[in-house]
PDB file of N, CA and C in Angstrom:
ATOM      1  N   MET A   1     299.456 222.827  13.803  1.00  0.00           N
ATOM      2  CA  MET A   1     299.694 221.645  13.225  1.00  0.00           C
ATOM      3  C   MET A   1     299.216 221.062  11.710  1.00  0.00           C
ATOM      4  N   VAL A   2     299.967 220.788  11.085  1.00  0.00           N
ATOM      5  CA  VAL A   2     299.549 220.582   9.968  1.00  0.00           C
ATOM      6  C   VAL A   2     298.928 219.328   9.545  1.00  0.00           C
ATOM      7  N   PHE A   3     297.620 219.277   9.080  1.00  0.00           N
ATOM      8  CA  PHE A   3     297.048 218.192   8.910  1.00  0.00           C
ATOM      9  C   PHE A   3     296.963 217.524   7.970  1.00  0.00           C
ATOM     10  N   GLY A   4     297.515 218.280   6.749  1.00  0.00           N
ATOM     11  CA  GLY A   4     297.586 217.555   5.421  1.00  0.00           C
ATOM     12  C   GLY A   4     298.216 218.569   4.340  1.00  0.00           C
ATOM     13  N   ILE A   5     299.196 217.643   3.508  1.00  0.00           N
ATOM     14  CA  ILE A   5     299.701 218.866   2.697  1.00  0.00           C
ATOM     15  C   ILE A   5     299.346 217.859   1.071  1.00  0.00           C
ATOM     16  N   GLY A   6     299.020 218.640   0.177  1.00  0.00           N
ATOM     17  CA  GLY A   6     298.864 217.937  -0.994  1.00  0.00           C
ATOM     18  C   GLY A   6     299.152 218.857  -2.379  1.00  0.00           C
ATOM     19  N   ILE A   7     299.564 218.322  -3.191  1.00  0.00           N
ATOM     20  CA  ILE A   7     300.450 218.825  -4.600  1.00  0.00           C
ATOM     21  C   ILE A   7     299.488 218.034  -5.651  1.00  0.00           C
ATOM     22  N   ASP A   8     299.563 219.359  -7.035  1.00  0.00           N
ATOM     23  CA  ASP A   8     299.194 218.365  -8.033  1.00  0.00           C
ATOM     24  C   ASP A   8     300.442 219.531  -9.375  1.00  0.00           C
ATOM     25  N   LEU A   9     300.124 218.561 -10.640  1.00  0.00           N
ATOM     26  CA  LEU A   9     300.779 219.161 -11.229  1.00  0.00           C
ATOM     27  C   LEU A   9     299.958 218.657 -12.694  1.00  0.00           C
ATOM     28  N   ILE A  10     299.669 219.424 -13.672  1.00  0.00           N
ATOM     29  CA  ILE A  10     299.109 218.966 -14.835  1.00  0.00           C
ATOM     30  C   ILE A  10     299.336 219.776 -16.056  1.00  0.00           C
ATOM     31  N   GLU A  11     299.562 218.791 -16.850  1.00  0.00           N
ATOM     32  CA  GLU A  11     299.817 219.228 -18.355  1.00  0.00           C
ATOM     33  C   GLU A  11     298.458 220.434 -18.792  1.00  0.00           C
ATOM     34  N   ILE A  12     298.851 221.610 -19.390  1.00  0.00           N
ATOM     35  CA  ILE A  12     297.732 222.187 -19.807  1.00  0.00           C
ATOM     36  C   ILE A  12     297.040 221.651 -21.011  1.00  0.00           C
ATOM     37  N   ASP A  13     297.385 221.286 -21.844  1.00  0.00           N
ATOM     38  CA  ASP A  13     297.164 220.194 -22.621  1.00  0.00           C
ATOM     39  C   ASP A  13     296.409 219.513 -22.506  1.00  0.00           C
ATOM     40  N   ARG A  14     296.744 218.880 -21.750  1.00  0.00           N
ATOM     41  CA  ARG A  14     295.301 218.042 -21.110  1.00  0.00           C
ATOM     42  C   ARG A  14     294.361 218.149 -20.861  1.00  0.00           C
ATOM     43  N   ILE A  15     294.295 219.205 -19.953  1.00  0.00           N
ATOM     44  CA  ILE A  15     292.962 219.829 -19.801  1.00  0.00           C
ATOM     45  C   ILE A  15     292.392 219.881 -21.460  1.00  0.00           C
ATOM     46  N   GLU A  16     293.000 221.411 -22.287  1.00  0.00           N
ATOM     47  CA  GLU A  16     292.648 221.549 -23.702  1.00  0.00           C
ATOM     48  C   GLU A  16     292.001 220.616 -24.299  1.00  0.00           C
ATOM     49  N   LYS A  17     292.576 219.425 -24.244  1.00  0.00           N
ATOM     50  CA  LYS A  17     292.209 217.992 -24.479  1.00  0.00           C
ATOM     51  C   LYS A  17     290.697 217.674 -24.774  1.00  0.00           C
ATOM     52  N   SER A  18     290.718 217.747 -23.294  1.00  0.00           N
ATOM     53  CA  SER A  18     289.248 217.622 -22.406  1.00  0.00           C
ATOM     54  C   SER A  18     288.115 218.092 -23.043  1.00  0.00           C
ATOM     55  N   ILE A  19     288.692 219.511 -22.579  1.00  0.00           N
ATOM     56  CA  ILE A  19     287.458 220.513 -23.043  1.00  0.00           C
ATOM     57  C   ILE A  19     287.540 220.327 -24.685  1.00  0.00           C
ATOM     58  N   SER A  20     288.327 220.403 -25.317  1.00  0.00           N
ATOM     59  CA  SER A  20     287.843 219.856 -26.425  1.00  0.00           C
ATOM     60  C   SER A  20     287.084 218.534 -26.936  1.00  0.00           C
ATOM     61  N   LYS A  21     287.581 217.938 -26.763  1.00  0.00           N
ATOM     62  CA  LYS A  21     286.772 216.517 -26.565  1.00  0.00           C
ATOM     63  C   LYS A  21     285.573 216.439 -26.026  1.00  0.00           C
ATOM     64  N   PHE A  22     285.354 217.013 -25.226  1.00  0.00           N
ATOM     65  CA  PHE A  22     283.538 216.954 -24.090  1.00  0.00           C
ATOM     66  C   PHE A  22     283.187 218.284 -24.348  1.00  0.00           C
ATOM     67  N   GLY A  23     283.891 219.044 -24.335  1.00  0.00           N
ATOM     68  CA  GLY A  23     283.084 220.492 -24.248  1.00  0.00           C
ATOM     69  C   GLY A  23     282.391 221.203 -22.519  1.00  0.00           C
ATOM     70  N   ASP A  24     281.309 221.507 -23.005  1.00  0.00           N
ATOM     71  CA  ASP A  24     280.258 221.756 -22.009  1.00  0.00           C
ATOM     72  C   ASP A  24     280.456 220.974 -20.873  1.00  0.00           C
ATOM     73  N   SER A  25     279.992 219.554 -21.102  1.00  0.00           N
ATOM     74  CA  SER A  25     280.055 218.406 -20.364  1.00  0.00           C
ATOM     75  C   SER A  25     281.110 218.512 -19.306  1.00  0.00           C
ATOM     76  N   PHE A  26     282.331 218.186 -19.743  1.00  0.00           N
ATOM     77  CA  PHE A  26     283.466 218.532 -18.931  1.00  0.00           C
ATOM     78  C   PHE A  26     283.523 219.646 -17.934  1.00  0.00           C
ATOM     79  N   LEU A  27     283.358 220.955 -18.719  1.00  0.00           N
ATOM     80  CA  LEU A  27     283.652 222.068 -17.992  1.00  0.00           C
ATOM     81  C   LEU A  27     282.461 221.942 -16.815  1.00  0.00           C
ATOM     82  N   ASN A  28     281.070 221.152 -16.976  1.00  0.00           N
ATOM     83  CA  ASN A  28     280.297 221.741 -16.068  1.00  0.00           C
ATOM     84  C   ASN A  28     280.207 220.777 -14.946  1.00  0.00           C
ATOM     85  N   LYS A  29     280.884 219.359 -15.250  1.00  0.00           N
ATOM     86  CA  LYS A  29     281.010 218.669 -14.671  1.00  0.00           C
ATOM     87  C   LYS A  29     282.154 219.062 -13.041  1.00  0.00           C
ATOM     88  N   ILE A  30     283.573 219.519 -14.119  1.00  0.00           N
ATOM     89  CA  ILE A  30     284.409 219.867 -13.323  1.00  0.00           C
ATOM     90  C   ILE A  30     284.601 221.483 -12.453  1.00  0.00           C
ATOM     91  N   PHE A  31     283.844 222.127 -12.996  1.00  0.00           N
ATOM     92  CA  PHE A  31     284.534 223.592 -12.603  1.00  0.00           C
ATOM     93  C   PHE A  31     283.150 224.198 -12.177  1.00  0.00           C
ATOM     94  N   THR A  32     282.921 225.088 -11.330  1.00  0.00           N
ATOM     95  CA  THR A  32     281.740 226.095 -10.952  1.00  0.00           C
ATOM     96  C   THR A  32     281.542 227.102 -12.143  1.00  0.00           C
ATOM     97  N   LYS A  33     280.590 227.842 -12.028  1.00  0.00           N
ATOM     98  CA  LYS A  33     279.740 228.619 -12.990  1.00  0.00           C
ATOM     99  C   LYS A  33     281.224 229.664 -12.546  1.00  0.00           C
ATOM    100  N   GLY A  34     281.707 230.369 -11.946  1.00  0.00           N
ATOM    101  CA  GLY A  34     282.406 231.445 -11.372  1.00  0.00           C
ATOM    102  C   GLY A  34     283.504 231.201 -12.246  1.00  0.00           C
ATOM    103  N   GLU A  35     284.195 229.619 -11.468  1.00  0.00           N
ATOM    104  CA  GLU A  35     285.584 229.333 -12.278  1.00  0.00           C
ATOM    105  C   GLU A  35     285.515 228.909 -13.963  1.00  0.00           C
ATOM    106  N   ILE A  36     284.376 229.050 -14.451  1.00  0.00           N
ATOM    107  CA  ILE A  36     284.043 228.862 -15.724  1.00  0.00           C
ATOM    108  C   ILE A  36     284.484 230.330 -16.407  1.00  0.00           C
ATOM    109  N   GLU A  37     283.319 231.280 -16.165  1.00  0.00           N
ATOM    110  CA  GLU A  37     283.458 232.854 -16.657  1.00  0.00           C
ATOM    111  C   GLU A  37     284.895 233.308 -16.049  1.00  0.00           C
ATOM    112  N   TYR A  38     285.382 233.163 -15.206  1.00  0.00           N
ATOM    113  CA  TYR A  38     286.782 233.809 -14.778  1.00  0.00           C
ATOM    114  C   TYR A  38     287.869 233.285 -16.134  1.00  0.00           C
ATOM    115  N   SER A  39     287.904 231.784 -16.014  1.00  0.00           N
ATOM    116  CA  SER A  39     288.906 230.756 -16.885  1.00  0.00           C
ATOM    117  C   SER A  39     288.775 231.417 -18.655  1.00  0.00           C
ATOM    118  N   SER A  40     287.456 231.218 -18.701  1.00  0.00           N
ATOM    119  CA  SER A  40     286.708 231.970 -20.409  1.00  0.00           C
ATOM    120  C   SER A  40     287.427 233.158 -20.349  1.00  0.00           C
ATOM    121  N   SER A  41     287.530 234.314 -19.631  1.00  0.00           N
ATOM    122  CA  SER A  41     287.835 235.842 -19.990  1.00  0.00           C
ATOM    123  C   SER A  41     288.837 236.026 -20.254  1.00  0.00           C
ATOM    124  N   LYS A  42     290.073 234.636 -19.955  1.00  0.00           N
ATOM    125  CA  LYS A  42     291.442 235.221 -19.744  1.00  0.00           C
ATOM    126  C   LYS A  42     292.078 234.534 -21.312  1.00  0.00           C
ATOM    127  N   GLY A  43     293.287 235.787 -21.918  1.00  0.00           N
ATOM    128  CA  GLY A  43     293.409 235.215 -23.064  1.00  0.00           C
ATOM    129  C   GLY A  43     294.119 233.538 -22.979  1.00  0.00           C
ATOM    130  N   SER A  44     294.448 233.041 -22.050  1.00  0.00           N
ATOM    131  CA  SER A  44     294.759 231.522 -21.992  1.00  0.00           C
ATOM    132  C   SER A  44     294.409 231.112 -21.213  1.00  0.00           C
ATOM    133  N   PRO A  45     293.042 230.432 -21.778  1.00  0.00           N
ATOM    134  CA  PRO A  45     291.441 229.961 -20.782  1.00  0.00           C
ATOM    135  C   PRO A  45     292.159 228.841 -20.441  1.00  0.00           C
ATOM    136  N   TYR A  46     292.597 227.786 -21.152  1.00  0.00           N
ATOM    137  CA  TYR A  46     293.332 226.559 -20.374  1.00  0.00           C
ATOM    138  C   TYR A  46     294.538 226.326 -19.563  1.00  0.00           C
ATOM    139  N   GLN A  47     294.768 227.329 -19.543  1.00  0.00           N
ATOM    140  CA  GLN A  47     296.298 227.475 -18.357  1.00  0.00           C
ATOM    141  C   GLN A  47     295.210 228.005 -17.525  1.00  0.00           C
ATOM    142  N   HIS A  48     294.227 228.498 -17.178  1.00  0.00           N
ATOM    143  CA  HIS A  48     293.181 228.936 -15.973  1.00  0.00           C
ATOM    144  C   HIS A  48     292.745 227.943 -15.324  1.00  0.00           C
ATOM    145  N   TYR A  49     292.425 226.767 -16.497  1.00  0.00           N
ATOM    146  CA  TYR A  49     291.230 225.810 -15.972  1.00  0.00           C
ATOM    147  C   TYR A  49     292.035 224.674 -15.603  1.00  0.00           C
ATOM    148  N   ALA A  50     293.492 224.622 -15.853  1.00  0.00           N
ATOM    149  CA  ALA A  50     294.432 223.622 -15.682  1.00  0.00           C
ATOM    150  C   ALA A  50     294.477 224.372 -13.826  1.00  0.00           C
ATOM    151  N   ALA A  51     295.094 225.141 -13.573  1.00  0.00           N
ATOM    152  CA  ALA A  51     295.185 225.709 -12.607  1.00  0.00           C
ATOM    153  C   ALA A  51     294.492 225.193 -11.974  1.00  0.00           C
ATOM    154  N   ARG A  52     292.681 225.805 -12.035  1.00  0.00           N
ATOM    155  CA  ARG A  52     292.046 225.543 -10.896  1.00  0.00           C
ATOM    156  C   ARG A  52     291.979 223.654 -10.669  1.00  0.00           C
ATOM    157  N   PHE A  53     292.093 222.850 -12.046  1.00  0.00           N
ATOM    158  CA  PHE A  53     291.765 221.423 -11.827  1.00  0.00           C
ATOM    159  C   PHE A  53     293.205 221.403 -10.958  1.00  0.00           C
ATOM    160  N   ALA A  54     294.351 221.708 -10.661  1.00  0.00           N
ATOM    161  CA  ALA A  54     295.254 221.317 -10.459  1.00  0.00           C
ATOM    162  C   ALA A  54     295.038 221.645  -8.831  1.00  0.00           C
ATOM    163  N   ALA A  55     294.671 222.623  -8.687  1.00  0.00           N
ATOM    164  CA  ALA A  55     294.114 223.198  -6.956  1.00  0.00           C
ATOM    165  C   ALA A  55     292.890 222.158  -6.505  1.00  0.00           C
ATOM    166  N   LYS A  56     292.379 222.173  -7.140  1.00  0.00           N
ATOM    167  CA  LYS A  56     291.082 220.708  -6.447  1.00  0.00           C
ATOM    168  C   LYS A  56     291.707 219.623  -6.274  1.00  0.00           C
ATOM    169  N   GLU A  57     292.577 218.904  -7.215  1.00  0.00           N
ATOM    170  CA  GLU A  57     293.312 217.743  -6.855  1.00  0.00           C
ATOM    171  C   GLU A  57     294.486 217.882  -5.718  1.00  0.00           C
ATOM    172  N   ALA A  58     294.827 218.796  -5.571  1.00  0.00           N
ATOM    173  CA  ALA A  58     295.970 219.243  -4.282  1.00  0.00           C
ATOM    174  C   ALA A  58     294.923 219.640  -3.118  1.00  0.00           C
ATOM    175  N   ILE A  59     294.352 220.156  -2.859  1.00  0.00           N
ATOM    176  CA  ILE A  59     292.982 220.591  -2.098  1.00  0.00           C
ATOM    177  C   ILE A  59     292.196 218.543  -1.704  1.00  0.00           C
ATOM    178  N   ALA A  60     292.319 218.108  -2.461  1.00  0.00           N
ATOM    179  CA  ALA A  60     291.486 216.691  -2.004  1.00  0.00           C
ATOM    180  C   ALA A  60     292.721 216.224  -1.772  1.00  0.00           C
ATOM    181  N   LYS A  61     293.831 216.006  -2.004  1.00  0.00           N
ATOM    182  CA  LYS A  61     295.038 215.353  -1.151  1.00  0.00           C
ATOM    183  C   LYS A  61     295.536 215.559  -0.167  1.00  0.00           C
ATOM    184  N   ALA A  62     295.487 216.993   0.360  1.00  0.00           N
ATOM    185  CA  ALA A  62     295.559 217.304   1.513  1.00  0.00           C
ATOM    186  C   ALA A  62     294.676 217.389   2.363  1.00  0.00           C
ATOM    187  N   LEU A  63     293.204 217.061   2.181  1.00  0.00           N
ATOM    188  CA  LEU A  63     292.044 216.883   2.876  1.00  0.00           C
ATOM    189  C   LEU A  63     292.329 215.327   2.922  1.00  0.00           C
ATOM    190  N   SER A  64     293.275 214.650   2.585  1.00  0.00           N
ATOM    191  CA  SER A  64     293.292 212.870   2.518  1.00  0.00           C
ATOM    192  C   SER A  64     292.027 212.496   2.413  1.00  0.00           C
ATOM    193  N   THR A  65     291.440 212.803   0.890  1.00  0.00           N
ATOM    194  CA  THR A  65     290.253 212.571   0.443  1.00  0.00           C
ATOM    195  C   THR A  65     290.403 211.884  -0.898  1.00  0.00           C
ATOM    196  N   PRO A  66     289.802 210.415  -1.093  1.00  0.00           N
ATOM    197  CA  PRO A  66     290.747 210.009  -2.319  1.00  0.00           C
ATOM    198  C   PRO A  66     289.946 210.838  -3.875  1.00  0.00           C
ATOM    199  N   ASP A  67     290.906 211.050  -5.261  1.00  0.00           N
ATOM    200  CA  ASP A  67     290.525 211.419  -5.841  1.00  0.00           C
ATOM    201  C   ASP A  67     289.028 211.324  -6.076  1.00  0.00           C
ATOM    202  N   ASN A  68     288.567 212.083  -6.252  1.00  0.00           N
ATOM    203  CA  ASN A  68     286.703 212.567  -6.775  1.00  0.00           C
ATOM    204  C   ASN A  68     286.067 211.463  -6.028  1.00  0.00           C
ATOM    205  N   LYS A  69     286.209 210.646  -4.559  1.00  0.00           N
ATOM    206  CA  LYS A  69     285.492 210.115  -4.023  1.00  0.00           C
ATOM    207  C   LYS A  69     285.250 210.495  -2.741  1.00  0.00           C
ATOM    208  N   GLY A  70     283.324 210.554  -2.553  1.00  0.00           N
ATOM    209  CA  GLY A  70     282.863 211.379  -1.299  1.00  0.00           C
ATOM    210  C   GLY A  70     283.007 212.656  -1.432  1.00  0.00           C
ATOM    211  N   PHE A  71     283.269 213.309  -2.568  1.00  0.00           N
ATOM    212  CA  PHE A  71     283.059 214.662  -2.899  1.00  0.00           C
ATOM    213  C   PHE A  71     282.437 215.414  -4.424  1.00  0.00           C
ATOM    214  N   ASN A  72     281.886 216.268  -4.611  1.00  0.00           N
ATOM    215  CA  ASN A  72     281.725 216.546  -6.336  1.00  0.00           C
ATOM    216  C   ASN A  72     282.942 217.621  -6.432  1.00  0.00           C
ATOM    217  N   TRP A  73     283.450 217.749  -7.698  1.00  0.00           N
ATOM    218  CA  TRP A  73     284.045 218.655  -8.038  1.00  0.00           C
ATOM    219  C   TRP A  73     283.862 219.953  -7.924  1.00  0.00           C
ATOM    220  N   LYS A  74     282.768 220.194  -8.183  1.00  0.00           N
ATOM    221  CA  LYS A  74     282.238 221.755  -7.412  1.00  0.00           C
ATOM    222  C   LYS A  74     281.920 221.954  -5.970  1.00  0.00           C
ATOM    223  N   ASP A  75     282.487 220.747  -5.435  1.00  0.00           N
ATOM    224  CA  ASP A  75     282.392 221.150  -4.078  1.00  0.00           C
ATOM    225  C   ASP A  75     283.581 221.939  -3.557  1.00  0.00           C
ATOM    226  N   ILE A  76     284.548 222.260  -4.621  1.00  0.00           N
ATOM    227  CA  ILE A  76     285.818 223.429  -4.340  1.00  0.00           C
ATOM    228  C   ILE A  76     285.843 224.356  -5.335  1.00  0.00           C
ATOM    229  N   GLU A  77     285.669 225.694  -4.716  1.00  0.00           N
ATOM    230  CA  GLU A  77     285.475 226.486  -6.076  1.00  0.00           C
ATOM    231  C   GLU A  77     286.734 227.604  -6.052  1.00  0.00           C
ATOM    232  N   VAL A  78     287.832 227.556  -6.601  1.00  0.00           N
ATOM    233  CA  VAL A  78     288.973 228.163  -6.767  1.00  0.00           C
ATOM    234  C   VAL A  78     288.913 229.588  -7.672  1.00  0.00           C
ATOM    235  N   TYR A  79     289.002 230.774  -6.714  1.00  0.00           N
ATOM    236  CA  TYR A  79     288.974 232.043  -7.117  1.00  0.00           C
ATOM    237  C   TYR A  79     290.240 232.784  -7.006  1.00  0.00           C
ATOM    238  N   ASN A  80     290.204 234.066  -7.243  1.00  0.00           N
ATOM    239  CA  ASN A  80     291.479 235.140  -6.499  1.00  0.00           C
ATOM    240  C   ASN A  80     291.145 235.911  -5.723  1.00  0.00           C
ATOM    241  N   GLU A  81     291.890 236.464  -4.770  1.00  0.00           N
ATOM    242  CA  GLU A  81     291.278 237.451  -3.760  1.00  0.00           C
ATOM    243  C   GLU A  81     291.208 238.716  -4.239  1.00  0.00           C
ATOM    244  N   ASP A  82     290.796 239.990  -4.030  1.00  0.00           N
ATOM    245  CA  ASP A  82     291.225 241.061  -5.041  1.00  0.00           C
ATOM    246  C   ASP A  82     292.668 241.198  -4.898  1.00  0.00           C
ATOM    247  N   ASN A  83     293.617 240.913  -3.887  1.00  0.00           N
ATOM    248  CA  ASN A  83     295.133 241.283  -4.380  1.00  0.00           C
ATOM    249  C   ASN A  83     295.696 239.872  -5.205  1.00  0.00           C
ATOM    250  N   GLY A  84     295.051 239.042  -5.852  1.00  0.00           N
ATOM    251  CA  GLY A  84     295.132 238.199  -6.835  1.00  0.00           C
ATOM    252  C   GLY A  84     295.824 237.222  -6.186  1.00  0.00           C
ATOM    253  N   TYR A  85     295.883 236.946  -4.988  1.00  0.00           N
ATOM    254  CA  TYR A  85     295.812 235.695  -4.492  1.00  0.00           C
ATOM    255  C   TYR A  85     295.225 234.473  -4.380  1.00  0.00           C
ATOM    256  N   PRO A  86     295.251 233.133  -4.686  1.00  0.00           N
ATOM    257  CA  PRO A  86     294.314 232.347  -4.716  1.00  0.00           C
ATOM    258  C   PRO A  86     293.687 231.372  -3.517  1.00  0.00           C
ATOM    259  N   ASN A  87     292.327 231.606  -3.988  1.00  0.00           N
ATOM    260  CA  ASN A  87     291.713 230.730  -2.404  1.00  0.00           C
ATOM    261  C   ASN A  87     290.818 229.808  -3.162  1.00  0.00           C
ATOM    262  N   ALA A  88     290.074 229.409  -1.844  1.00  0.00           N
ATOM    263  CA  ALA A  88     289.224 228.252  -2.259  1.00  0.00           C
ATOM    264  C   ALA A  88     287.627 228.259  -1.032  1.00  0.00           C
ATOM    265  N   LYS A  89     286.804 228.474  -1.935  1.00  0.00           N
ATOM    266  CA  LYS A  89     285.260 228.315  -1.212  1.00  0.00           C
ATOM    267  C   LYS A  89     285.023 226.723  -0.927  1.00  0.00           C
ATOM    268  N   LEU A  90     284.632 225.886  -0.145  1.00  0.00           N
ATOM    269  CA  LEU A  90     284.492 224.634   0.435  1.00  0.00           C
ATOM    270  C   LEU A  90     283.274 224.484   0.977  1.00  0.00           C
ATOM    271  N   PHE A  91     282.409 223.506  -0.064  1.00  0.00           N
ATOM    272  CA  PHE A  91     280.773 223.207  -0.066  1.00  0.00           C
ATOM    273  C   PHE A  91     281.179 221.641   0.435  1.00  0.00           C
ATOM    274  N   GLY A  92     279.950 221.383   0.833  1.00  0.00           N
ATOM    275  CA  GLY A  92     279.108 219.930   1.041  1.00  0.00           C
ATOM    276  C   GLY A  92     279.994 218.959   2.092  1.00  0.00           C
ATOM    277  N   LYS A  93     280.805 217.922   1.333  1.00  0.00           N
ATOM    278  CA  LYS A  93     281.629 216.976   2.028  1.00  0.00           C
ATOM    279  C   LYS A  93     283.044 217.441   2.186  1.00  0.00           C
ATOM    280  N   VAL A  94     283.823 218.267   1.502  1.00  0.00           N
ATOM    281  CA  VAL A  94     284.490 218.887   1.568  1.00  0.00           C
ATOM    282  C   VAL A  94     285.163 220.099   2.789  1.00  0.00           C
ATOM    283  N   LYS A  95     283.724 220.629   2.772  1.00  0.00           N
ATOM    284  CA  LYS A  95     283.611 221.469   3.949  1.00  0.00           C
ATOM    285  C   LYS A  95     283.483 220.343   5.039  1.00  0.00           C
ATOM    286  N   GLU A  96     282.946 219.772   4.842  1.00  0.00           N
ATOM    287  CA  GLU A  96     282.541 219.141   6.392  1.00  0.00           C
ATOM    288  C   GLU A  96     283.519 218.273   6.764  1.00  0.00           C
ATOM    289  N   ILE A  97     284.524 217.905   6.004  1.00  0.00           N
ATOM    290  CA  ILE A  97     285.825 217.188   6.377  1.00  0.00           C
ATOM    291  C   ILE A  97     287.262 218.288   7.055  1.00  0.00           C
ATOM    292  N   LEU A  98     286.810 219.600   6.121  1.00  0.00           N
ATOM    293  CA  LEU A  98     287.832 220.970   6.422  1.00  0.00           C
ATOM    294  C   LEU A  98     287.507 221.273   8.181  1.00  0.00           C
ATOM    295  N   GLY A  99     285.984 221.317   8.153  1.00  0.00           N
ATOM    296  CA  GLY A  99     285.291 221.751   9.676  1.00  0.00           C
ATOM    297  C   GLY A  99     286.023 222.701   9.884  1.00  0.00           C
ATOM    298  N   ASP A 100     285.612 223.350  11.281  1.00  0.00           N
ATOM    299  CA  ASP A 100     285.976 224.812  11.814  1.00  0.00           C
ATOM    300  C   ASP A 100     287.581 224.661  12.712  1.00  0.00           C
ATOM    301  N   ASP A 101     287.713 224.054  12.635  1.00  0.00           N
ATOM    302  CA  ASP A 101     289.035 223.562  13.011  1.00  0.00           C
ATOM    303  C   ASP A 101     290.340 223.682  12.463  1.00  0.00           C
ATOM    304  N   LYS A 102     290.303 223.475  11.247  1.00  0.00           N
ATOM    305  CA  LYS A 102     291.083 223.720  10.140  1.00  0.00           C
ATOM    306  C   LYS A 102     291.206 224.851   9.443  1.00  0.00           C
ATOM    307  N   GLU A 103     292.049 225.349   8.772  1.00  0.00           N
ATOM    308  CA  GLU A 103     292.259 226.151   7.784  1.00  0.00           C
ATOM    309  C   GLU A 103     292.969 225.741   6.269  1.00  0.00           C
ATOM    310  N   LEU A 104     293.022 226.015   5.439  1.00  0.00           N
ATOM    311  CA  LEU A 104     293.355 225.720   4.307  1.00  0.00           C
ATOM    312  C   LEU A 104     293.906 226.870   3.324  1.00  0.00           C
ATOM    313  N   LYS A 105     295.147 227.032   2.776  1.00  0.00           N
ATOM    314  CA  LYS A 105     295.941 227.696   1.983  1.00  0.00           C
ATOM    315  C   LYS A 105     296.444 226.876   0.965  1.00  0.00           C
ATOM    316  N   ILE A 106     296.191 227.691  -0.220  1.00  0.00           N
ATOM    317  CA  ILE A 106     296.455 227.379  -1.662  1.00  0.00           C
ATOM    318  C   ILE A 106     297.815 228.086  -2.341  1.00  0.00           C
ATOM    319  N   SER A 107     298.823 227.280  -3.060  1.00  0.00           N
ATOM    320  CA  SER A 107     299.180 227.992  -3.923  1.00  0.00           C
ATOM    321  C   SER A 107     299.647 227.758  -5.165  1.00  0.00           C
ATOM    322  N   ILE A 108     299.161 228.398  -6.703  1.00  0.00           N
ATOM    323  CA  ILE A 108     298.966 228.277  -7.750  1.00  0.00           C
ATOM    324  C   ILE A 108     300.121 228.592  -8.373  1.00  0.00           C
ATOM    325  N   SER A 109     300.367 228.122  -9.404  1.00  0.00           N
ATOM    326  CA  SER A 109     301.312 228.303 -10.378  1.00  0.00           C
ATOM    327  C   SER A 109     301.760 228.049 -11.634  1.00  0.00           C
ATOM    328  N   HIS A 110     301.990 228.473 -12.786  1.00  0.00           N
ATOM    329  CA  HIS A 110     301.903 228.096 -13.760  1.00  0.00           C
ATOM    330  C   HIS A 110     302.962 228.359 -15.194  1.00  0.00           C
ATOM    331  N   SER A 111     302.968 227.614 -16.220  1.00  0.00           N
ATOM    332  CA  SER A 111     303.780 228.042 -17.079  1.00  0.00           C
ATOM    333  C   SER A 111     303.190 227.901 -18.593  1.00  0.00           C
ATOM    334  N   ASP A 112     304.252 227.953 -19.445  1.00  0.00           N
ATOM    335  CA  ASP A 112     303.378 227.878 -20.591  1.00  0.00           C
ATOM    336  C   ASP A 112     302.547 226.212 -21.214  1.00  0.00           C
ATOM    337  N   ASN A 113     303.387 224.999 -20.136  1.00  0.00           N
ATOM    338  CA  ASN A 113     303.063 224.055 -20.340  1.00  0.00           C
ATOM    339  C   ASN A 113     302.179 223.233 -19.221  1.00  0.00           C
ATOM    340  N   TYR A 114     302.619 223.782 -18.350  1.00  0.00           N
ATOM    341  CA  TYR A 114     302.094 223.263 -16.627  1.00  0.00           C
ATOM    342  C   TYR A 114     301.566 223.967 -15.793  1.00  0.00           C
ATOM    343  N   ALA A 115     300.204 223.419 -15.026  1.00  0.00           N
ATOM    344  CA  ALA A 115     299.944 223.918 -13.720  1.00  0.00           C
ATOM    345  C   ALA A 115     300.160 223.391 -12.655  1.00  0.00           C
ATOM    346  N   THR A 116     300.904 224.322 -11.656  1.00  0.00           N
ATOM    347  CA  THR A 116     300.581 223.469 -10.334  1.00  0.00           C
ATOM    348  C   THR A 116     300.060 223.731  -9.263  1.00  0.00           C
ATOM    349  N   CYS A 117     299.429 223.184  -8.320  1.00  0.00           N
ATOM    350  CA  CYS A 117     299.031 223.910  -6.848  1.00  0.00           C
ATOM    351  C   CYS A 117     299.798 222.978  -5.588  1.00  0.00           C
ATOM    352  N   VAL A 118     300.231 223.916  -4.710  1.00  0.00           N
ATOM    353  CA  VAL A 118     300.286 222.694  -3.574  1.00  0.00           C
ATOM    354  C   VAL A 118     299.181 223.317  -2.165  1.00  0.00           C
ATOM    355  N   ALA A 119     298.389 222.520  -1.663  1.00  0.00           N
ATOM    356  CA  ALA A 119     297.779 222.992  -0.659  1.00  0.00           C
ATOM    357  C   ALA A 119     297.809 222.049   0.470  1.00  0.00           C
ATOM    358  N   ILE A 120     298.293 223.254   1.882  1.00  0.00           N
ATOM    359  CA  ILE A 120     298.358 223.115   3.132  1.00  0.00           C
ATOM    360  C   ILE A 120     297.002 223.211   3.951  1.00  0.00           C
ATOM    361  N   VAL A 121     296.664 222.245   5.099  1.00  0.00           N
ATOM    362  CA  VAL A 121     295.598 222.203   5.668  1.00  0.00           C
ATOM    363  C   VAL A 121     296.180 221.845   7.193  1.00  0.00           C
ATOM    364  N   TYR A 122     295.716 223.003   8.088  1.00  0.00           N
ATOM    365  CA  TYR A 122     296.761 223.235   9.371  1.00  0.00           C
ATOM    366  C   TYR A 122     295.496 223.744  10.614  1.00  0.00           C
ATOM    367  N   SER A 123     295.903 223.065  11.581  1.00  0.00           N
ATOM    368  CA  SER A 123     294.620 223.088  12.753  1.00  0.00           C
ATOM    369  C   SER A 123     294.983 224.324  13.059  1.00  0.00           C
ATOM    370  N   LYS A 124     293.573 225.349  13.355  1.00  0.00           N
ATOM    371  CA  LYS A 124     293.699 226.718  13.744  1.00  0.00           C
ATOM    372  C   LYS A 124     294.423 227.007  15.065  1.00  0.00           C
TER     373      LYS A 124
END
């Protein structure tokens, strides 16, 4: 049974502008160390930052958690499995909301200009 569905779409240049304007304070507020290392290592880092940002937003929506209320941005860490599929580790309040009785699946995509993510939370 589906508990929640979330989707987010973001313009990559919006993330680029935030990083350019606020630098490390923006990065360290939103992204985990692992997300920063991964995204910074890519040829198009802003694309990967935007995809992770979209995933965090989509997951929050799927869990019916209002935008950045009740959890920290770093309570969600987006990473890639060895096979390349995106996944998320949850911590703190977000992990509590998901609980042991539900599972989370995400799908991320990006183009030159946009990044998007769909998140589905369902009962086990």
